Amino acid sequence: MTRIKISICILCAMIGTSIFSAVWINGKCSHMLREITAICQLLDNGNTSEAVSRAENFDNEWNIFRKKATVILRNDLLTEIDCISAGIPFLIENDNDESYTKLMELQHMIVTLKDGEIPAFPRIL
């Protein structure tokens, strides 16, 4: 009977950790997507200095998130996002046309990261 209780406790801890990590990642990714949208709006309005500042803040937030998320998520996707987010402030600062493309690529990767953490149940015909 003791083994059953211990097994149930371990199972509940695993389920709780899984739910917590999914909610945490979903919230952080949603926040980062809003930041990317704000950076794009600043670029559309021609406010380059504020866009550079927001992009640098985004990169700092991403680095903090990445350190914690490395334990939970696949490292290859995090590394790709890390490379792109680090280069965006420089692209914006140099008024490069590729900044929008990189922002949209970054947005797509974060959406992929976010969607990968939401469990999908198979449909039964």
Protein backbone atom coordinates (compact mmCIF):
# COMPACT_ATOMS: atom_id res chain seq x y z
CA MET A 1 0.00 0.00 0.00
CA THR A 2 2.88 2.35 0.74
CA ARG A 3 4.24 1.88 -2.79
CA ILE A 4 0.88 2.84 -4.26
CA LYS A 5 0.78 6.04 -2.19
CA ILE A 6 4.33 6.95 -3.18
CA SER A 7 3.54 6.24 -6.85
CA ILE A 8 0.44 8.42 -6.70
CA CYS A 9 2.44 11.24 -5.08
CA ILE A 10 5.11 11.01 -7.78
CA LEU A 11 2.47 10.97 -10.53
CA CYS A 12 0.72 14.01 -9.04
CA ALA A 13 4.04 15.86 -8.75
CA MET A 14 4.84 15.11 -12.40
CA ILE A 15 1.42 16.28 -13.58
CA GLY A 16 1.64 19.43 -11.43
CA THR A 17 5.10 20.26 -12.75
CA SER A 18 3.95 19.71 -16.31
CA ILE A 19 0.95 21.99 -15.91
CA PHE A 20 3.02 24.67 -14.18
CA SER A 21 5.72 24.64 -16.86
CA ALA A 22 3.14 24.80 -19.69
CA VAL A 23 1.37 27.78 -18.08
CA TRP A 24 4.68 29.55 -17.34
CA ILE A 25 6.00 29.10 -20.87
CA ASN A 26 2.66 30.14 -22.38
CA GLY A 27 2.63 33.34 -20.32
CA LYS A 28 6.24 34.25 -21.10
CA CYS A 29 5.81 33.57 -24.81
CA SER A 30 2.63 35.67 -24.94
CA HIS A 31 4.49 38.54 -23.28
CA MET A 32 7.36 38.25 -25.77
CA LEU A 33 4.94 38.21 -28.70
CA ARG A 34 3.41 41.45 -27.43
CA GLU A 35 6.90 42.96 -27.20
CA ILE A 36 7.65 42.00 -30.80
CA THR A 37 4.39 43.62 -31.91
CA ALA A 38 5.31 46.78 -30.00
CA ILE A 39 8.75 46.87 -31.65
CA CYS A 40 7.14 46.53 -35.10
CA GLN A 41 4.72 49.36 -34.31
CA LEU A 42 7.60 51.58 -33.21
CA LEU A 43 9.40 50.85 -36.46
CA ASP A 44 6.25 51.66 -38.44
CA ASN A 45 6.01 55.00 -36.63
CA GLY A 46 9.67 55.76 -37.38
CA ASN A 47 10.74 55.76 -33.73
CA THR A 48 14.00 53.91 -34.25
CA SER A 49 15.70 54.83 -30.98
CA GLU A 50 12.77 53.56 -28.90
CA ALA A 51 12.59 50.42 -31.06
CA VAL A 52 16.29 49.75 -30.42
CA SER A 53 15.75 50.22 -26.69
CA ARG A 54 12.76 47.85 -26.67
CA ALA A 55 14.68 45.31 -28.76
CA GLU A 56 17.60 45.38 -26.30
CA ASN A 57 15.16 44.93 -23.39
CA PHE A 58 13.56 42.05 -25.28
CA ASP A 59 16.97 40.41 -25.72
CA ASN A 60 17.69 40.78 -21.99
CA GLU A 61 14.30 39.29 -21.10
CA TRP A 62 14.88 36.47 -23.55
CA ASN A 63 18.26 35.65 -21.97
CA ILE A 64 16.69 35.48 -18.51
CA PHE A 65 13.87 33.28 -19.82
CA ARG A 66 16.29 31.05 -21.73
CA LYS A 67 18.39 30.29 -18.66
CA LYS A 68 15.33 28.94 -16.86
CA ALA A 69 13.66 27.32 -19.87
CA THR A 70 16.73 25.30 -20.86
CA VAL A 71 15.78 22.80 -18.17
CA ILE A 72 12.32 22.26 -19.67
CA LEU A 73 12.60 22.83 -23.43
CA ARG A 74 14.67 21.55 -26.33
CA ASN A 75 17.87 23.55 -26.59
CA ASP A 76 18.07 23.72 -30.41
CA LEU A 77 15.00 25.92 -30.79
CA LEU A 78 16.09 28.13 -27.91
CA THR A 79 19.50 28.60 -29.52
CA GLU A 80 17.96 29.67 -32.83
CA ILE A 81 15.73 32.22 -31.10
CA ASP A 82 18.74 33.41 -29.08
CA CYS A 83 20.76 34.09 -32.23
CA ILE A 84 17.96 36.03 -33.90
CA SER A 85 17.02 38.10 -30.82
CA ALA A 86 20.64 39.10 -30.27
CA GLY A 87 20.93 40.49 -33.81
CA ILE A 88 17.70 42.46 -33.98
CA PRO A 89 18.88 45.58 -32.07
CA PHE A 90 21.81 45.93 -34.45
CA LEU A 91 19.59 45.52 -37.51
CA ILE A 92 17.18 48.17 -36.26
CA GLU A 93 19.99 50.53 -35.27
CA ASN A 94 21.56 50.29 -38.73
CA ASP A 95 18.14 50.82 -40.36
CA ASN A 96 18.39 47.50 -42.16
CA ASP A 97 15.39 46.35 -44.21
CA GLU A 98 15.90 42.85 -42.87
CA SER A 99 14.77 43.86 -39.38
CA TYR A 100 11.09 43.25 -40.17
CA THR A 101 11.92 39.87 -41.64
CA LYS A 102 13.89 38.86 -38.57
CA LEU A 103 11.14 40.12 -36.26
CA MET A 104 8.55 38.05 -38.14
CA GLU A 105 10.85 35.02 -38.07
CA LEU A 106 11.34 35.52 -34.34
CA GLN A 107 7.60 35.85 -33.85
CA HIS A 108 6.97 32.63 -35.77
CA MET A 109 9.58 30.74 -33.73
CA ILE A 110 8.11 31.91 -30.44
CA VAL A 111 4.63 30.89 -31.59
CA THR A 112 6.05 27.48 -32.49
CA LEU A 113 7.68 27.25 -29.06
CA LYS A 114 4.43 28.25 -27.37
CA ASP A 115 2.29 25.83 -29.38
CA GLY A 116 4.72 23.00 -28.74
CA GLU A 117 4.06 23.16 -25.02
CA ILE A 118 0.27 22.94 -25.21
CA PRO A 119 -0.79 19.30 -25.10
CA ALA A 120 -2.84 18.16 -28.07
CA PHE A 121 -5.11 15.20 -27.69
CA PRO A 122 -5.62 13.02 -30.76
CA ARG A 123 -9.06 12.92 -32.24
CA ILE A 124 -10.80 9.61 -32.26
CA LEU A 125 -12.87 9.01 -35.35
